[in-house]
Protein backbone atom coordinates (compact mmCIF):
# COMPACT_ATOMS: atom_id res chain seq x y z
CA MET A 1 12.55 12.60 36.09
CA LEU A 2 11.37 16.17 35.63
CA PHE A 3 8.20 16.92 33.63
CA VAL A 4 6.54 20.24 32.91
CA TYR A 5 2.74 19.89 32.67
CA GLN A 6 -0.04 22.08 31.36
CA PRO A 7 -2.97 20.12 32.80
CA ASN A 8 -5.72 22.67 32.24
CA ASN A 9 -5.47 23.09 28.49
CA GLY A 10 -4.58 19.44 27.75
CA GLN A 11 -2.22 20.32 24.92
CA LEU A 12 1.48 19.92 25.60
CA VAL A 13 3.63 18.10 28.13
CA VAL A 14 7.36 18.87 27.99
CA PHE A 15 9.97 16.37 29.18
CA ILE A 16 13.61 17.48 29.40
CA TRP A 17 15.59 15.29 27.00
CA SER A 18 18.85 15.46 28.90
CA LEU A 19 17.32 13.69 31.88
CA LEU A 20 16.15 10.85 29.63
CA THR A 21 19.66 10.42 28.29
CA LEU A 22 21.07 10.23 31.80
CA VAL A 23 19.08 7.01 32.17
CA ILE A 24 19.82 5.68 28.69
CA ASP A 25 23.42 6.73 28.10
CA SER A 26 25.06 9.21 30.43
CA THR A 27 28.00 9.60 28.04
CA HIS A 28 25.91 11.71 25.68
CA SER A 29 24.01 13.84 28.16
CA ASP A 30 26.18 16.97 27.93
CA GLN A 31 26.14 17.08 24.14
CA ILE A 32 22.34 17.08 23.84
CA SER A 33 21.40 18.89 27.01
CA GLN A 34 19.69 21.71 25.10
CA SER A 35 17.19 19.53 23.25
CA TYR A 36 13.90 18.28 24.59
CA ILE A 37 10.77 16.49 23.50
CA VAL A 38 7.37 18.07 23.06
CA TYR A 39 4.59 15.54 23.58
CA TYR A 40 1.28 16.06 21.81
CA PRO A 41 -1.97 14.86 23.42
CA ASN A 42 -3.54 11.43 23.01
CA GLY A 43 -5.31 11.03 19.67
CA THR A 44 -2.49 12.50 17.56
CA GLN A 45 -0.32 10.91 14.89
CA TYR A 46 2.49 12.07 12.62
CA SER A 47 1.63 12.25 8.90
CA PRO A 48 4.86 12.43 6.83
CA VAL A 49 4.94 13.84 3.32
CA ASN A 50 6.84 10.78 2.09
CA PRO A 51 6.47 7.77 4.43
CA ALA A 52 8.82 5.61 2.38
CA ALA A 53 11.62 8.17 2.74
CA GLN A 54 10.98 9.35 6.30
CA LEU A 55 9.97 6.22 8.22
CA LEU A 56 13.05 4.89 9.99
CA SER A 57 11.49 1.92 11.78
CA THR A 58 8.27 0.43 13.14
CA THR A 59 8.73 -1.58 16.30
CA THR A 60 6.90 -2.56 19.48
CA ARG A 61 7.65 -0.77 22.76
CA ASN A 62 5.95 -1.22 26.10
CA SER A 63 5.54 2.49 26.83
CA LEU A 64 5.77 5.98 25.43
CA LYS A 65 9.04 6.53 27.32
CA LEU A 66 10.65 3.49 25.73
CA CYS A 67 9.54 4.70 22.29
CA ALA A 68 11.23 8.01 23.08
CA ALA A 69 14.33 6.09 24.11
CA ALA A 70 14.33 4.29 20.74
CA CYS A 71 14.22 7.67 19.01
CA ASN A 72 17.19 8.83 21.07
CA GLN A 73 19.21 5.85 19.91
CA ASN A 74 18.66 6.67 16.21
CA ARG A 75 20.65 9.73 15.16
CA LEU A 76 18.24 10.55 12.32
CA CYS A 77 15.11 10.45 14.46
CA ARG A 78 13.38 13.78 15.04
CA ILE A 79 9.75 12.61 15.43
CA PHE A 80 8.05 9.51 16.80
CA ASP A 81 4.54 8.34 17.55
CA TYR A 82 3.43 5.64 19.95
CA ASP A 83 0.05 3.90 19.74
CA ALA A 84 -0.95 1.82 22.75
CA SER A 85 -4.16 0.79 20.99
CA ALA A 86 -2.22 -0.68 18.04
CA LEU A 87 -0.22 -3.32 19.94
CA ASP A 88 2.20 -0.73 21.36
CA GLN A 89 3.39 0.36 17.93
CA CYS A 90 6.35 2.75 17.96
CA ARG A 91 7.23 4.54 14.71
CA LEU A 92 10.38 6.63 14.26
CA PHE A 93 10.67 9.32 11.58
CA GLU A 94 13.21 11.74 10.23
CA GLY A 95 12.12 15.21 9.15
CA ASP A 96 10.03 17.81 10.94
CA ILE A 97 6.42 18.97 11.33
CA ASP A 98 6.92 22.26 9.50
CA THR A 99 8.16 21.40 6.01
CA VAL A 100 7.82 17.64 5.49
CA GLY A 101 4.86 16.54 7.56
CA SER A 102 2.15 17.45 10.03
CA ILE A 103 0.39 16.31 13.20
CA ILE A 104 -3.10 14.92 12.58
CA ALA A 105 -5.93 13.83 14.83
CA VAL A 106 -6.78 10.10 14.91
CA PRO A 107 -9.40 8.08 16.82
CA SER A 108 -6.87 6.03 18.80
CA GLN A 109 -4.52 6.13 21.78
CA SER A 110 -1.70 7.37 19.59
CA ARG A 111 0.60 10.14 20.78
CA VAL A 112 3.34 12.12 19.04
CA GLY A 113 6.71 13.20 20.39
CA VAL A 114 8.78 15.84 18.59
CA VAL A 115 12.46 16.46 19.34
CA LYS A 116 13.08 20.19 19.71
CA ILE A 117 16.65 21.29 19.03
CA PHE A 118 18.54 24.55 19.44
CA ALA A 119 21.73 26.12 18.16
CA GLY A 120 23.71 25.11 21.26
CA VAL A 121 23.42 21.47 20.25
CA PHE A 122 25.47 22.21 17.13
CA SER A 123 28.18 24.36 18.72
CA GLN A 124 30.83 21.90 17.49
CA HIS A 125 29.83 22.21 13.84
CA GLY A 126 32.89 22.83 11.68
CA LEU A 127 35.38 21.93 14.42
CA SER A 128 38.00 19.22 14.15
CA CYS A 129 36.82 15.68 14.75
CA GLN A 130 39.86 15.08 16.99
CA THR A 131 38.37 17.19 19.76
CA SER A 132 34.66 17.22 18.99
CA CYS A 133 31.50 15.54 17.63
CA TYR A 134 32.31 11.90 18.31
CA GLU A 135 29.94 11.94 21.24
CA THR A 136 26.93 13.78 19.82
CA ARG A 137 23.99 12.35 17.94
CA TYR A 138 23.47 15.49 15.85
CA LEU A 139 26.85 15.74 14.08
CA THR A 140 29.11 13.32 12.25
CA CYS A 141 32.75 13.32 11.25
CA SER A 142 33.11 14.11 7.55
CA THR A 143 35.77 12.91 5.13
CA ASN A 144 37.75 16.10 5.74
CA SER A 145 37.80 15.36 9.52
CA THR A 146 35.44 18.13 10.56
CA CYS A 147 32.13 17.90 12.39
CA GLU A 148 29.30 18.16 9.86
CA CYS A 149 25.54 17.56 9.71
CA VAL A 150 24.27 13.96 9.69
CA PRO A 151 22.80 12.59 6.43
CA HIS A 152 19.56 14.09 5.10
CA THR A 153 20.14 17.37 6.95
CA TYR A 154 21.86 20.62 5.92
CA TRP A 155 23.57 23.49 7.75
CA ASN A 156 21.13 26.38 8.12
CA THR A 157 23.33 29.44 8.59
CA SER A 158 20.40 31.58 9.71
CA THR A 159 19.55 29.39 12.72
CA SER A 160 22.93 27.62 13.18
CA ILE A 161 21.32 24.18 13.26
CA CYS A 162 21.30 21.11 11.03
CA ALA A 163 17.80 21.22 9.54
CA PRO A 164 16.08 18.36 7.65
CA GLN A 165 16.55 18.48 3.88
CA LEU A 166 13.40 18.96 1.80
CA LEU A 167 12.17 15.81 0.04
CA VAL A 168 9.40 17.24 -2.14
CA GLY A 169 9.95 18.44 -5.68
CA GLY A 170 8.88 22.06 -5.98
CA ALA A 171 9.65 22.93 -2.35
CA SER A 172 11.16 26.39 -1.84
CA CYS A 173 14.93 26.45 -1.34
CA GLN A 174 17.93 28.79 -1.45
CA GLN A 175 20.76 28.48 -3.94
CA ASP A 176 23.56 28.77 -1.37
CA ARG A 177 22.30 25.93 0.85
CA SER A 178 22.00 22.17 0.45
CA MET A 179 18.33 22.27 1.40
CA CYS A 180 17.11 19.58 -1.02
CA ARG A 181 17.39 15.81 -0.53
CA GLU A 182 20.55 15.01 -2.44
CA ASP A 183 19.99 11.24 -2.22
CA PHE A 184 16.85 11.78 -4.33
CA GLY A 185 18.91 13.62 -6.93
CA TYR A 186 17.32 16.95 -5.99
CA THR A 187 19.14 20.23 -6.24
CA CYS A 188 18.05 23.82 -5.75
CA LEU A 189 17.10 24.97 -9.24
CA PRO A 190 17.46 28.59 -10.49
CA SER A 191 13.73 28.97 -9.76
CA ASN A 192 14.58 28.41 -6.06
CA GLN A 193 12.66 25.15 -6.02
CA CYS A 194 13.92 21.64 -5.28
CA GLY A 195 13.97 19.53 -8.42
CA TYR A 196 16.05 17.48 -10.79
CA ALA A 197 18.89 18.79 -12.86
CA THR A 198 18.18 18.12 -16.53
CA ILE A 199 20.32 17.65 -19.61
CA GLY A 200 21.64 21.05 -20.52
CA SER A 201 24.97 22.71 -20.95
CA SER A 202 26.50 21.24 -17.81
CA THR A 203 24.31 18.82 -15.88
CA LEU A 204 22.74 15.42 -16.17
CA THR A 205 20.53 13.51 -13.75
CA VAL A 206 20.71 9.73 -13.79
CA THR A 207 18.20 7.51 -11.93
CA LEU A 208 19.50 4.12 -10.91
CA GLN A 209 17.91 0.75 -10.38
CA PRO A 210 18.19 -0.57 -6.80
CA ASN A 211 21.57 -2.14 -5.98
CA ALA A 212 23.34 -0.36 -8.81
CA SER A 213 26.00 2.32 -8.71
CA VAL A 214 27.29 4.58 -11.45
CA LEU A 215 30.75 4.72 -12.95
CA TYR A 216 31.69 7.90 -14.77
CA ASN A 217 34.41 7.31 -17.32
CA THR A 218 35.92 10.38 -18.94
CA ALA A 219 39.26 8.84 -19.87
CA GLY A 220 40.16 8.30 -23.49
CA LEU A 221 37.32 10.35 -24.95
CA SER A 222 38.86 12.60 -27.54
CA ASP A 223 35.55 14.10 -28.61
CA GLY A 224 34.80 15.59 -25.20
CA CYS A 225 31.87 13.28 -24.49
CA THR A 226 31.24 11.51 -21.22
CA SER A 227 30.27 7.85 -21.14
CA ILE A 228 28.08 6.42 -18.41
CA GLY A 229 28.01 2.81 -17.27
CA THR A 230 26.71 0.82 -14.31
CA SER A 231 28.31 -1.68 -11.98
CA SER A 232 26.81 -4.33 -9.74
CA SER A 233 28.05 -2.87 -6.45
CA THR A 234 25.42 -1.63 -4.04
CA THR A 235 24.59 1.87 -2.93
CA ALA A 236 21.86 3.38 -0.81
CA SER A 237 21.34 6.25 -3.19
CA THR A 238 18.88 5.77 -6.03
CA GLN A 239 19.78 8.87 -8.00
CA VAL A 240 23.02 10.64 -8.81
CA THR A 241 23.59 14.10 -10.25
CA THR A 242 26.94 14.89 -11.79
CA GLU A 243 28.56 17.49 -13.99
CA VAL A 244 29.34 16.40 -17.52
CA VAL A 245 31.95 17.68 -19.92
CA THR A 246 29.59 18.86 -22.63
CA SER A 247 25.94 18.81 -23.60
CA ASP A 248 26.83 16.91 -26.78
CA ILE A 249 26.26 13.43 -25.35
CA THR A 250 26.40 10.92 -28.18
CA SER A 251 28.30 7.95 -26.80
CA ASP A 252 25.31 5.62 -26.53
CA GLN A 253 21.95 5.26 -28.20
CA THR A 254 20.13 5.48 -24.86
CA ASP A 255 21.66 8.92 -24.28
CA GLN A 256 19.33 10.25 -26.97
CA LEU A 257 16.17 9.06 -25.24
CA PRO A 258 14.18 11.68 -23.36
CA ILE A 259 14.79 11.75 -19.62
CA ASP A 260 11.78 12.27 -17.42
CA VAL A 261 10.97 14.16 -14.24
CA THR A 262 8.79 12.58 -11.58
CA ILE A 263 6.06 15.09 -10.74
CA ALA A 264 3.79 12.87 -8.62
CA GLY A 265 4.38 9.75 -6.55
CA TYR A 266 7.34 8.67 -4.45
CA ASP A 267 10.79 8.77 -5.98
CA ASN A 268 11.42 5.15 -4.95
CA MET A 269 8.28 4.12 -6.87
CA THR A 270 6.54 2.37 -3.99
CA ALA A 271 2.79 2.74 -3.60
CA GLY A 272 1.43 5.21 -1.06
CA ASP A 273 -1.83 6.79 -0.01
CA ASP A 274 -0.80 10.11 1.50
CA ALA A 275 -0.72 13.50 -0.27
CA MET A 276 2.46 12.61 -2.14
CA GLY A 277 1.86 8.93 -2.83
CA LEU A 278 0.05 7.17 -5.66
CA ASN A 279 -1.04 3.58 -6.17
CA ALA A 280 -1.51 2.48 -9.79
CA PRO A 281 -2.14 5.89 -11.41
CA ARG A 282 -4.15 5.62 -14.63
CA GLY A 283 -6.04 8.30 -16.55
CA ILE A 284 -4.54 11.80 -16.52
CA PHE A 285 -5.86 15.23 -17.50
CA VAL A 286 -3.90 18.49 -17.76
CA SER A 287 -5.62 21.86 -17.44
CA SER A 288 -5.14 24.09 -20.49
CA ILE A 289 -5.20 27.15 -18.22
CA ASN A 290 -2.53 26.62 -15.56
CA GLN A 291 -0.98 23.15 -16.12
CA THR A 292 -2.68 21.78 -13.03
CA PHE A 293 -3.05 18.07 -13.63
CA TYR A 294 -5.47 15.45 -12.39
CA VAL A 295 -4.74 11.73 -12.11
CA CYS A 296 -6.87 8.67 -11.36
CA ASP A 297 -5.15 7.24 -8.29
CA SER A 298 -6.92 3.98 -8.91
CA ASN A 299 -5.93 1.68 -6.07
CA ASN A 300 -6.50 4.51 -3.59
CA PHE A 301 -10.01 4.98 -5.05
CA ARG A 302 -9.58 8.70 -5.61
CA VAL A 303 -8.68 11.44 -8.10
CA GLN A 304 -5.76 13.64 -7.10
CA ARG A 305 -5.10 17.21 -8.26
CA PHE A 306 -1.54 18.52 -8.43
CA HIS A 307 -0.74 22.18 -9.00
CA PHE A 308 2.20 22.90 -11.28
CA GLY A 309 5.48 22.58 -9.39
CA SER A 310 3.97 20.81 -6.37
CA ARG A 311 4.37 17.16 -5.43
CA LEU A 312 1.52 17.32 -2.89
CA GLY A 313 -1.85 16.23 -4.22
CA THR A 314 -5.35 17.20 -3.15
CA THR A 315 -8.22 14.73 -3.37
CA VAL A 316 -10.98 16.09 -5.64
CA ALA A 317 -13.07 12.91 -6.00
CA GLY A 318 -13.47 9.77 -3.92
CA GLY A 319 -10.72 9.04 -1.44
CA LEU A 320 -12.73 7.20 1.19
CA GLY A 321 -10.84 3.93 0.73
CA TYR A 322 -11.94 0.44 1.67
CA PRO A 323 -14.73 -0.67 2.21
CA GLN A 324 -16.43 2.51 1.00
CA ARG A 325 -14.91 1.86 -2.42
CA ASN A 326 -17.74 -0.55 -3.14
CA ILE A 327 -20.24 2.31 -3.21
CA ILE A 328 -18.09 5.36 -4.01
CA MET A 329 -15.29 4.30 -6.37
CA ASN A 330 -13.78 1.00 -7.31
CA ARG A 331 -11.80 0.69 -10.53
CA ILE A 332 -11.40 4.14 -12.05
CA TRP A 333 -9.70 4.57 -15.41
CA ASN A 334 -10.20 8.05 -16.86
CA VAL A 335 -10.76 11.62 -15.75
CA VAL A 336 -11.82 14.76 -17.61
CA VAL A 337 -12.24 18.22 -16.09
CA ASP A 338 -14.44 20.87 -17.71
CA SER A 339 -13.93 24.65 -17.79
CA SER A 340 -15.90 25.02 -14.57
CA GLU A 341 -13.61 22.47 -12.86
CA TYR A 342 -16.24 19.77 -12.55
CA VAL A 343 -14.45 16.43 -12.43
CA TYR A 344 -15.79 13.48 -14.49
CA VAL A 345 -14.53 10.03 -13.50
CA THR A 346 -15.17 6.68 -15.19
CA ASP A 347 -15.50 3.63 -12.95
CA ARG A 348 -15.45 0.32 -14.81
CA ASN A 349 -16.33 -1.94 -11.88
CA LEU A 350 -19.26 0.19 -10.72
CA ASN A 351 -20.42 0.66 -14.36
CA ARG A 352 -20.86 4.41 -14.15
CA LEU A 353 -19.40 7.83 -14.73
CA THR A 354 -19.62 10.27 -11.81
CA LYS A 355 -19.47 14.06 -11.80
CA TRP A 356 -17.84 15.79 -8.83
CA PRO A 357 -18.19 19.52 -8.02
CA PRO A 358 -15.11 21.76 -7.91
CA ASN A 359 -13.33 22.27 -4.57
CA ILE A 360 -15.21 19.50 -2.79
CA THR A 361 -15.40 19.41 0.98
CA VAL A 362 -15.44 16.47 3.37
CA ASN A 363 -19.23 16.54 3.21
CA VAL A 364 -19.23 15.47 -0.44
CA THR A 365 -18.98 11.69 -0.34
CA GLN A 366 -20.57 10.80 -3.67
CA GLY A 367 -20.47 12.42 -7.08
CA THR A 368 -23.57 12.71 -9.22
CA ILE A 369 -24.03 9.76 -11.59
CA ALA A 370 -23.74 11.29 -15.06
CA SER A 371 -23.77 8.11 -17.14
CA ARG A 372 -24.10 4.36 -16.77
CA GLY A 373 -22.85 1.45 -18.85
CA ILE A 374 -21.31 -1.97 -18.39
CA GLY A 375 -17.57 -1.50 -18.15
CA VAL A 376 -17.47 2.28 -18.73
CA TRP A 377 -13.85 3.19 -19.45
CA GLY A 378 -13.21 6.40 -21.41
CA VAL A 379 -14.94 9.78 -21.50
CA ALA A 380 -14.76 12.76 -23.88
CA PHE A 381 -16.79 15.84 -24.85
CA ASP A 382 -17.30 17.38 -28.28
CA GLN A 383 -17.59 21.10 -29.07
CA TYR A 384 -21.35 20.92 -28.55
CA ASN A 385 -20.87 19.51 -25.05
CA ASN A 386 -22.13 16.05 -26.01
CA MET A 387 -20.64 13.42 -23.75
CA TYR A 388 -19.16 10.19 -25.15
CA THR A 389 -18.24 7.14 -23.10
CA SER A 390 -16.57 3.93 -24.17
CA LEU A 391 -17.99 0.70 -22.76
CA PHE A 392 -15.06 -1.69 -22.63
CA ASP A 393 -17.00 -4.83 -21.82
CA THR A 394 -19.72 -4.36 -24.45
CA HIS A 395 -17.60 -3.00 -27.36
CA VAL A 396 -19.53 0.25 -28.00
CA ILE A 397 -19.35 4.03 -27.71
CA ILE A 398 -22.44 5.77 -26.37
CA ARG A 399 -23.42 9.46 -26.52
CA ASN A 400 -25.19 11.33 -23.74
CA ASN A 401 -25.87 8.15 -21.80
CA ASN A 402 -28.53 6.83 -24.16
CA THR A 403 -27.43 6.33 -27.79
CA ILE A 404 -24.98 3.85 -29.26
CA VAL A 405 -23.07 5.76 -31.93
CA ILE A 406 -20.17 3.37 -32.67
CA GLY A 407 -19.99 -0.42 -32.59
CA TYR A 408 -22.54 -3.12 -31.86
CA TYR A 409 -23.63 -3.98 -28.35
CA ASN A 410 -21.95 -7.13 -27.01
CA GLN A 411 -20.44 -7.84 -30.44
CA SER A 412 -16.72 -7.50 -31.09
CA GLY A 413 -15.08 -7.36 -34.50
CA ASN A 414 -12.26 -5.85 -36.52
CA SER A 415 -13.99 -4.22 -39.49
CA SER A 416 -14.50 -0.47 -39.86
CA THR A 417 -17.79 -0.46 -37.96
CA TYR A 418 -16.79 -2.80 -35.11
CA LEU A 419 -14.72 -2.38 -31.99
CA ASN A 420 -12.96 -4.91 -29.79
CA TYR A 421 -12.70 -3.73 -26.15
CA PRO A 422 -12.46 0.06 -26.61
CA ARG A 423 -10.52 1.86 -23.87
CA GLY A 424 -9.50 5.53 -23.90
CA ILE A 425 -11.23 8.01 -26.21
CA PHE A 426 -10.37 11.57 -27.25
CA PHE A 427 -12.49 14.10 -29.14
CA ASP A 428 -10.48 16.39 -31.41
CA LYS A 429 -12.54 19.54 -31.88
CA THR A 430 -10.28 20.80 -34.65
CA SER A 431 -11.22 17.92 -36.95
CA SER A 432 -14.58 17.17 -35.26
CA SER A 433 -13.48 13.57 -34.83
CA LEU A 434 -13.56 10.99 -32.08
CA PHE A 435 -10.40 8.90 -31.68
CA VAL A 436 -10.84 5.49 -30.05
CA CYS A 437 -8.25 3.11 -28.61
CA ASP A 438 -9.57 -0.12 -30.13
CA SER A 439 -7.33 -2.03 -27.79
CA MET A 440 -7.70 -5.68 -28.75
CA ASN A 441 -7.52 -4.77 -32.43
CA HIS A 442 -4.28 -2.97 -31.53
CA ARG A 443 -5.22 0.16 -33.43
CA ILE A 444 -6.53 3.71 -33.16
CA GLN A 445 -9.80 4.36 -35.00
CA LYS A 446 -10.92 7.82 -36.12
CA PHE A 447 -14.65 8.53 -36.46
CA GLN A 448 -15.94 11.77 -37.96
CA LEU A 449 -18.73 13.44 -36.02
CA ASN A 450 -22.03 11.56 -36.54
CA SER A 451 -20.32 8.75 -38.44
CA SER A 452 -20.17 5.13 -37.27
CA VAL A 453 -17.54 4.12 -39.84
CA GLY A 454 -13.99 4.25 -38.55
CA VAL A 455 -10.68 4.79 -40.28
CA THR A 456 -7.52 3.20 -38.88
CA VAL A 457 -5.01 6.01 -38.25
CA ALA A 458 -2.46 4.13 -36.13
CA GLY A 459 -1.57 0.46 -35.73
CA GLY A 460 -3.90 -2.14 -37.17
CA ASN A 461 -1.03 -4.44 -38.11
CA GLY A 462 -1.52 -6.94 -35.32
CA ALA A 463 -0.02 -6.91 -31.84
CA GLY A 464 3.69 -6.15 -31.91
CA SER A 465 6.49 -3.74 -31.11
CA ASN A 466 7.53 -2.64 -34.58
CA PRO A 467 7.14 1.08 -35.42
CA ASN A 468 3.97 0.31 -37.40
CA GLN A 469 2.41 -1.74 -34.59
CA LEU A 470 0.75 -1.25 -31.22
CA ASN A 471 0.05 -3.67 -28.39
CA GLN A 472 -3.16 -2.89 -26.51
CA PRO A 473 -3.16 0.94 -26.56
CA TYR A 474 -4.90 2.39 -23.51
CA PHE A 475 -5.16 6.08 -24.31
CA VAL A 476 -4.64 8.57 -27.11
CA TRP A 477 -4.20 12.36 -27.06
CA VAL A 478 -4.47 14.35 -30.29
CA SER A 479 -2.72 17.66 -30.94
CA PRO A 480 -5.13 20.44 -31.97
CA LYS A 481 -2.20 22.15 -33.69
CA ASN A 482 -1.06 19.49 -36.15
CA GLY A 483 -3.15 16.37 -35.53
CA ASP A 484 -0.26 14.33 -34.13
CA MET A 485 -1.43 11.44 -31.95
CA TYR A 486 0.32 10.57 -28.68
CA ILE A 487 -0.53 6.97 -27.80
CA ALA A 488 -0.02 5.07 -24.56
CA ASP A 489 1.24 1.84 -26.11
CA THR A 490 0.81 0.08 -22.81
CA ASN A 491 2.03 -3.46 -23.41
CA ASN A 492 5.07 -2.10 -25.23
CA ASN A 493 5.96 0.19 -22.27
CA ARG A 494 6.28 3.26 -24.47
CA ILE A 495 4.55 6.39 -25.75
CA GLN A 496 4.25 6.64 -29.53
CA ARG A 497 3.86 9.81 -31.58
CA TRP A 498 2.00 8.98 -34.77
CA LYS A 499 1.62 11.72 -37.33
CA MET A 500 -1.55 11.77 -39.37
CA ASN A 501 -1.24 9.77 -42.62
CA ASP A 502 2.08 8.22 -41.54
CA THR A 503 2.52 4.46 -41.67
CA GLN A 504 4.62 4.20 -38.53
CA ALA A 505 5.33 6.02 -35.27
CA THR A 506 8.22 7.55 -33.36
CA THR A 507 8.82 6.61 -29.73
CA VAL A 508 8.85 9.78 -27.62
CA ALA A 509 8.95 8.21 -24.13
CA GLY A 510 9.95 4.78 -22.87
CA THR A 511 12.28 2.26 -24.46
CA GLY A 512 9.91 -0.59 -25.20
CA THR A 513 11.20 -2.49 -22.17
CA ALA A 514 9.61 -2.22 -18.73
CA GLY A 515 11.80 -0.50 -16.16
CA SER A 516 12.27 2.43 -13.78
CA LEU A 517 15.27 4.25 -15.23
CA PRO A 518 14.75 7.87 -16.39
CA THR A 519 14.24 6.67 -19.95
CA MET A 520 11.87 3.82 -19.09
CA LEU A 521 8.22 3.19 -18.25
CA ARG A 522 6.27 0.28 -16.83
CA SER A 523 2.75 -0.23 -18.24
CA PRO A 524 1.96 3.43 -19.00
CA VAL A 525 -1.79 3.93 -19.36
CA GLY A 526 -2.45 7.68 -19.46
CA VAL A 527 -0.98 10.43 -21.62
CA ALA A 528 -1.62 14.17 -22.01
CA LEU A 529 0.08 17.34 -23.20
CA ASN A 530 0.02 20.85 -21.82
CA ALA A 531 -1.57 23.67 -23.82
CA ASN A 532 1.53 24.76 -25.71
CA GLU A 533 2.64 21.14 -26.19
CA THR A 534 6.04 21.53 -24.59
CA PHE A 535 5.49 18.85 -21.93
CA LEU A 536 4.28 15.28 -22.23
CA TYR A 537 2.62 13.87 -19.09
CA VAL A 538 2.52 10.10 -18.58
CA SER A 539 0.84 8.07 -15.83
CA ASP A 540 3.45 5.38 -15.27
CA GLN A 541 1.10 2.86 -13.69
CA GLY A 542 3.57 0.09 -12.83
CA ASN A 543 5.97 2.52 -11.17
CA ASN A 544 3.27 4.35 -9.14
CA ARG A 545 4.25 7.75 -10.50
CA VAL A 546 3.46 10.45 -13.02
CA GLN A 547 6.32 11.41 -15.33
CA ARG A 548 6.83 14.57 -17.34
CA PHE A 549 8.95 14.65 -20.47
CA GLU A 550 10.11 17.76 -22.26
CA LEU A 551 9.13 17.49 -25.91
CA GLU A 552 11.25 18.50 -28.83
CA GLY A 553 9.91 19.50 -32.20
């Protein structure tokens, strides 16, 4: 076989792909003769944007060449890596290294191979299947009997190749091309970014449970509405976007529930630890300046920052993983970011709150300890920059790391001066009041500045799912405009909006039943609003994602 070496610089070795196929399957050699593999040096590995969506298989092969052969046999494979030091592991991926992944250095005998393709490979695109494309790995016969791109790729008219579709919300796209992963429900929005269609004058996005398909029934509807149902037949797609007859959808009560947009985490809701993935997201904070949001990625022992419109997170605290978690971060629950972009993180298991500088580098491995306390859970600042922390395990709120201002140490209770496992806290500067999720009393308590006597402003009617009840609330966010409270009613799988002085709440996100449909949540624990209160952000812990809901008045 013919190799082209560059031995002096140690960077790339090129192996002509057509010669490999002569050994594997001579039938296909002519059709792919213009593609080849670029091999990266030892100590490299492919890092996909979305492993769950891009990883085709993980197998064992006895050599790098046999791993390349496995890639050749999978029509979606464009990248592979082979690690001799990891029991000959061979991983096959779809995608590329420009838009949906990158090559990273690793301390192992891993090596990456990238399939390089050219326009000549796709010369049969658009031709009749009767004479073409049956014997090429890069094209498939479509339902209209013409040679088209294989799944998860689109026809790029500028380069005349089938390029990988983009699988990240917010990625740049063009309106006249199918650049966005359609099986995720993405489309190219008017802003020229990949994202979900939303309920409007003509479109609706529906997210499906696994092993469910959608039936669209427009027959017999005299009022111009479209009904939506599900069947038990299986489909590989988890999301479907369709046109609807009218925006006046009133055929079912669930149609009126707000539909969310996933803005962080994988679309299939599996846990992940790369830039796109999350694992049990908890506390969330949204910047009032630019809608950048921060989330406690708890089981990855880090805080991730996401810029508006991007699905790729940047680690701004922690992130060293196991076993370093025992000294850096362990069980983080809440995050607050000040105007100078210092990041404050509460860590219940390590009994401390740490402060991390803005724009940390790899040299910052430990934040400054700003407060200590057994079971520290929530954090908030008043207008005088006093810091309050809730100590879940000892039933108190402390100020500035030294003074108990609410509750009695190690004593739980349900009267106006007691707390019972306080979780999230929020300081409303408009009313100069601290709001406390008194979780095991299933209520929200409001304490005026410098007062230790609380007033129940939400819940307090025992654990339950009625509009006047809560079940272990984990966090509360208070509107500075009108005093409305947005409560993560965690055990009820919903977000409640409770107006001041009302006796019951309105559900603004979730259905009260755990699930992963667009209208559902699973153990939501964090909630926040943007500055103009048009978007509600929810950390959907059980689904490993952050959801954004558009609020109505």
